[in-house]
Amino acid sequence: MAAKKTTTKKSTKAAKEEVVVPVAEVKEEVKVEAPAVEEKKPAAKKSTKTTKAAKAVKEEVKEVAAAPVAEVVKEEVKAEAKTEVFVEFNGVQESIDEVIENVKKTFAAEGNTDEIKSVKVYLKPQDSAAYYVVNDTIEGKMDVYF
């Protein structure tokens, strides 16, 4: 079989010349570009602890949302028992709350202008007195009639 000949044009600055090159001698590199393919990264795995915690929170929210508001409020609010303390001596009864209020009034009446942050009251019925300490520094005495 005879080699086929192909013609190609080769250009130069000086002149154009036609060159005949046999096909067997032509060695061209053919570059074929493949279409661009996006790489897919595997989705990040969620922590099972986080997923379980999130599901638990969602379930709790659903339960609270489904419950009537009155029931939810009743569970959260606990009534504190009202407490009253009395001191009785020689047949006379005095409320501790009244003694504390009188101590605060006596403290102010004595000309003290400090803000009251704490009050400690010591009752001594045999002396008919209440000794007090305000803000852990100011001491005083008040008469209590038993």
C-alpha atoms as a PDB file:
ATOM      1  CA  MET A   1       0.000   0.000   0.000  1.00  0.00           C
ATOM      2  CA  ALA A   2       1.291   3.320  -0.898  1.00  0.00           C
ATOM      3  CA  ALA A   3       1.625   6.015   1.699  1.00  0.00           C
ATOM      4  CA  LYS A   4      -0.865   8.755   1.340  1.00  0.00           C
ATOM      5  CA  LYS A   5       0.430  12.184   1.066  1.00  0.00           C
ATOM      6  CA  THR A   6      -1.201  15.231   2.513  1.00  0.00           C
ATOM      7  CA  THR A   7      -0.408  18.794   1.919  1.00  0.00           C
ATOM      8  CA  THR A   8      -0.131  21.419   4.564  1.00  0.00           C
ATOM      9  CA  LYS A   9       0.666  25.013   4.206  1.00  0.00           C
ATOM     10  CA  LYS A  10       3.589  26.375   6.119  1.00  0.00           C
ATOM     11  CA  SER A  11       3.943  30.102   6.387  1.00  0.00           C
ATOM     12  CA  THR A  12       7.132  31.950   6.805  1.00  0.00           C
ATOM     13  CA  LYS A  13       7.928  35.587   6.873  1.00  0.00           C
ATOM     14  CA  ALA A  14       9.619  35.593   3.517  1.00  0.00           C
ATOM     15  CA  ALA A  15       7.339  33.525   1.352  1.00  0.00           C
ATOM     16  CA  LYS A  16       4.596  31.006   1.429  1.00  0.00           C
ATOM     17  CA  GLU A  17       5.682  27.530   0.488  1.00  0.00           C
ATOM     18  CA  GLU A  18       3.692  24.333   0.101  1.00  0.00           C
ATOM     19  CA  VAL A  19       5.219  21.294   1.781  1.00  0.00           C
ATOM     20  CA  VAL A  20       4.108  17.733   1.136  1.00  0.00           C
ATOM     21  CA  VAL A  21       4.401  15.453   4.198  1.00  0.00           C
ATOM     22  CA  PRO A  22       3.385  11.802   4.166  1.00  0.00           C
ATOM     23  CA  VAL A  23       0.586  10.914   6.661  1.00  0.00           C
ATOM     24  CA  ALA A  24       2.717   8.257   8.325  1.00  0.00           C
ATOM     25  CA  GLU A  25       5.272  10.882   9.246  1.00  0.00           C
ATOM     26  CA  VAL A  26       2.765  13.297  10.705  1.00  0.00           C
ATOM     27  CA  LYS A  27       2.693  12.839  14.403  1.00  0.00           C
ATOM     28  CA  GLU A  28       0.316  15.265  15.952  1.00  0.00           C
ATOM     29  CA  GLU A  29      -0.682  15.140  19.495  1.00  0.00           C
ATOM     30  CA  VAL A  30      -4.381  15.330  19.819  1.00  0.00           C
ATOM     31  CA  LYS A  31      -5.578  16.801  23.068  1.00  0.00           C
ATOM     32  CA  VAL A  32      -9.092  16.027  24.043  1.00  0.00           C
ATOM     33  CA  GLU A  33     -10.406  17.947  26.977  1.00  0.00           C
ATOM     34  CA  ALA A  34     -12.958  16.178  29.063  1.00  0.00           C
ATOM     35  CA  PRO A  35     -15.871  18.257  30.249  1.00  0.00           C
ATOM     36  CA  ALA A  36     -15.382  19.717  33.734  1.00  0.00           C
ATOM     37  CA  VAL A  37     -16.708  17.441  36.416  1.00  0.00           C
ATOM     38  CA  GLU A  38     -17.561  18.861  39.837  1.00  0.00           C
ATOM     39  CA  GLU A  39     -16.291  16.796  42.665  1.00  0.00           C
ATOM     40  CA  LYS A  40     -18.954  16.066  45.202  1.00  0.00           C
ATOM     41  CA  LYS A  41     -17.691  16.037  48.733  1.00  0.00           C
ATOM     42  CA  PRO A  42     -19.404  13.610  51.038  1.00  0.00           C
ATOM     43  CA  ALA A  43     -21.807  15.332  53.397  1.00  0.00           C
ATOM     44  CA  ALA A  44     -20.377  15.885  56.839  1.00  0.00           C
ATOM     45  CA  LYS A  45     -21.700  13.396  59.314  1.00  0.00           C
ATOM     46  CA  LYS A  46     -23.677  14.884  62.162  1.00  0.00           C
ATOM     47  CA  SER A  47     -22.754  13.777  65.590  1.00  0.00           C
ATOM     48  CA  THR A  48     -25.274  11.266  66.864  1.00  0.00           C
ATOM     49  CA  LYS A  49     -25.145  12.919  70.270  1.00  0.00           C
ATOM     50  CA  THR A  50     -26.050  16.279  68.764  1.00  0.00           C
ATOM     51  CA  THR A  51     -28.786  14.741  66.651  1.00  0.00           C
ATOM     52  CA  LYS A  52     -30.254  12.876  69.609  1.00  0.00           C
ATOM     53  CA  ALA A  53     -30.125  15.993  71.784  1.00  0.00           C
ATOM     54  CA  ALA A  54     -31.791  18.063  69.086  1.00  0.00           C
ATOM     55  CA  LYS A  55     -34.536  15.459  68.691  1.00  0.00           C
ATOM     56  CA  ALA A  56     -35.082  15.396  72.453  1.00  0.00           C
ATOM     57  CA  VAL A  57     -35.405  19.191  72.566  1.00  0.00           C
ATOM     58  CA  LYS A  58     -37.861  19.140  69.651  1.00  0.00           C
ATOM     59  CA  GLU A  59     -39.971  16.509  71.409  1.00  0.00           C
ATOM     60  CA  GLU A  60     -39.978  18.532  74.632  1.00  0.00           C
ATOM     61  CA  VAL A  61     -41.042  21.649  72.752  1.00  0.00           C
ATOM     62  CA  LYS A  62     -43.854  19.701  71.104  1.00  0.00           C
ATOM     63  CA  GLU A  63     -45.033  18.409  74.494  1.00  0.00           C
ATOM     64  CA  VAL A  64     -45.001  21.870  76.049  1.00  0.00           C
ATOM     65  CA  ALA A  65     -46.759  23.353  73.035  1.00  0.00           C
ATOM     66  CA  ALA A  66     -49.419  20.652  73.173  1.00  0.00           C
ATOM     67  CA  ALA A  67     -50.116  21.109  76.896  1.00  0.00           C
ATOM     68  CA  PRO A  68     -52.599  23.774  77.933  1.00  0.00           C
ATOM     69  CA  VAL A  69     -50.901  26.924  79.178  1.00  0.00           C
ATOM     70  CA  ALA A  70     -52.615  26.783  82.567  1.00  0.00           C
ATOM     71  CA  GLU A  71     -51.130  23.349  83.297  1.00  0.00           C
ATOM     72  CA  VAL A  72     -47.610  24.450  82.375  1.00  0.00           C
ATOM     73  CA  VAL A  73     -47.869  27.528  84.579  1.00  0.00           C
ATOM     74  CA  LYS A  74     -49.201  25.489  87.505  1.00  0.00           C
ATOM     75  CA  GLU A  75     -46.214  23.154  87.325  1.00  0.00           C
ATOM     76  CA  GLU A  76     -43.685  25.999  87.302  1.00  0.00           C
ATOM     77  CA  VAL A  77     -45.231  28.151  90.017  1.00  0.00           C
ATOM     78  CA  LYS A  78     -45.044  26.719  93.478  1.00  0.00           C
ATOM     79  CA  ALA A  79     -46.821  28.679  96.157  1.00  0.00           C
ATOM     80  CA  GLU A  80     -44.657  29.476  99.139  1.00  0.00           C
ATOM     81  CA  ALA A  81     -46.361  28.828 102.449  1.00  0.00           C
ATOM     82  CA  LYS A  82     -47.082  31.954 104.446  1.00  0.00           C
ATOM     83  CA  THR A  83     -45.166  31.816 107.687  1.00  0.00           C
ATOM     84  CA  GLU A  84     -45.731  33.888 110.803  1.00  0.00           C
ATOM     85  CA  VAL A  85     -43.603  33.686 113.936  1.00  0.00           C
ATOM     86  CA  PHE A  86     -44.659  35.004 117.339  1.00  0.00           C
ATOM     87  CA  VAL A  87     -42.791  35.376 120.620  1.00  0.00           C
ATOM     88  CA  GLU A  88     -44.821  34.999 123.775  1.00  0.00           C
ATOM     89  CA  PHE A  89     -43.565  36.012 127.208  1.00  0.00           C
ATOM     90  CA  ASN A  90     -45.519  36.655 130.445  1.00  0.00           C
ATOM     91  CA  GLY A  91     -48.811  36.353 128.575  1.00  0.00           C
ATOM     92  CA  VAL A  92     -47.915  38.992 125.930  1.00  0.00           C
ATOM     93  CA  GLN A  93     -47.549  37.978 122.315  1.00  0.00           C
ATOM     94  CA  GLU A  94     -45.438  39.872 119.711  1.00  0.00           C
ATOM     95  CA  SER A  95     -45.162  39.134 115.998  1.00  0.00           C
ATOM     96  CA  ILE A  96     -41.610  38.833 114.682  1.00  0.00           C
ATOM     97  CA  ASP A  97     -42.619  40.704 111.485  1.00  0.00           C
ATOM     98  CA  GLU A  98     -43.830  43.651 113.583  1.00  0.00           C
ATOM     99  CA  VAL A  99     -40.621  43.642 115.622  1.00  0.00           C
ATOM    100  CA  ILE A 100     -38.508  43.737 112.429  1.00  0.00           C
ATOM    101  CA  GLU A 101     -40.559  46.620 110.986  1.00  0.00           C
ATOM    102  CA  ASN A 102     -40.202  48.527 114.275  1.00  0.00           C
ATOM    103  CA  VAL A 103     -36.443  47.921 114.256  1.00  0.00           C
ATOM    104  CA  LYS A 104     -36.219  49.482 110.769  1.00  0.00           C
ATOM    105  CA  LYS A 105     -38.288  52.476 111.883  1.00  0.00           C
ATOM    106  CA  THR A 106     -36.157  52.912 115.024  1.00  0.00           C
ATOM    107  CA  PHE A 107     -32.981  52.714 112.911  1.00  0.00           C
ATOM    108  CA  ALA A 108     -34.266  55.533 110.661  1.00  0.00           C
ATOM    109  CA  ALA A 109     -35.570  57.579 113.611  1.00  0.00           C
ATOM    110  CA  GLU A 110     -32.106  57.563 115.171  1.00  0.00           C
ATOM    111  CA  GLY A 111     -30.875  59.560 112.174  1.00  0.00           C
ATOM    112  CA  ASN A 112     -29.279  56.769 110.194  1.00  0.00           C
ATOM    113  CA  THR A 113     -29.442  57.415 106.460  1.00  0.00           C
ATOM    114  CA  ASP A 114     -27.634  54.250 105.310  1.00  0.00           C
ATOM    115  CA  GLU A 115     -29.525  51.883 103.033  1.00  0.00           C
ATOM    116  CA  ILE A 116     -30.607  48.794 104.964  1.00  0.00           C
ATOM    117  CA  LYS A 117     -29.120  45.724 103.292  1.00  0.00           C
ATOM    118  CA  SER A 118     -29.387  43.298 106.199  1.00  0.00           C
ATOM    119  CA  VAL A 119     -31.007  43.229 109.639  1.00  0.00           C
ATOM    120  CA  LYS A 120     -30.301  40.823 112.479  1.00  0.00           C
ATOM    121  CA  VAL A 121     -32.643  40.943 115.471  1.00  0.00           C
ATOM    122  CA  TYR A 122     -31.978  39.368 118.876  1.00  0.00           C
ATOM    123  CA  LEU A 123     -34.999  39.281 121.194  1.00  0.00           C
ATOM    124  CA  LYS A 124     -34.451  39.214 124.916  1.00  0.00           C
ATOM    125  CA  PRO A 125     -37.911  39.021 126.532  1.00  0.00           C
ATOM    126  CA  GLN A 126     -36.632  39.170 130.128  1.00  0.00           C
ATOM    127  CA  ASP A 127     -35.133  42.629 129.309  1.00  0.00           C
ATOM    128  CA  SER A 128     -38.178  43.599 127.174  1.00  0.00           C
ATOM    129  CA  ALA A 129     -35.711  44.495 124.437  1.00  0.00           C
ATOM    130  CA  ALA A 130     -34.730  43.717 120.864  1.00  0.00           C
ATOM    131  CA  TYR A 131     -31.080  44.134 120.035  1.00  0.00           C
ATOM    132  CA  TYR A 132     -30.281  44.608 116.362  1.00  0.00           C
ATOM    133  CA  VAL A 133     -27.382  44.830 113.926  1.00  0.00           C
ATOM    134  CA  VAL A 134     -27.948  46.600 110.589  1.00  0.00           C
ATOM    135  CA  ASN A 135     -25.635  45.940 107.622  1.00  0.00           C
ATOM    136  CA  ASP A 136     -23.377  43.880 109.918  1.00  0.00           C
ATOM    137  CA  THR A 137     -21.900  47.054 111.460  1.00  0.00           C
ATOM    138  CA  ILE A 138     -24.484  49.313 113.150  1.00  0.00           C
ATOM    139  CA  GLU A 139     -25.811  48.062 116.480  1.00  0.00           C
ATOM    140  CA  GLY A 140     -28.785  49.268 118.439  1.00  0.00           C
ATOM    141  CA  LYS A 141     -31.406  48.470 121.031  1.00  0.00           C
ATOM    142  CA  MET A 142     -35.179  48.845 120.894  1.00  0.00           C
ATOM    143  CA  ASP A 143     -37.751  48.362 123.628  1.00  0.00           C
ATOM    144  CA  VAL A 144     -40.304  45.614 123.145  1.00  0.00           C
ATOM    145  CA  TYR A 145     -43.107  45.439 125.711  1.00  0.00           C
ATOM    146  CA  PHE A 146     -43.854  41.877 126.726  1.00  0.00           C
END
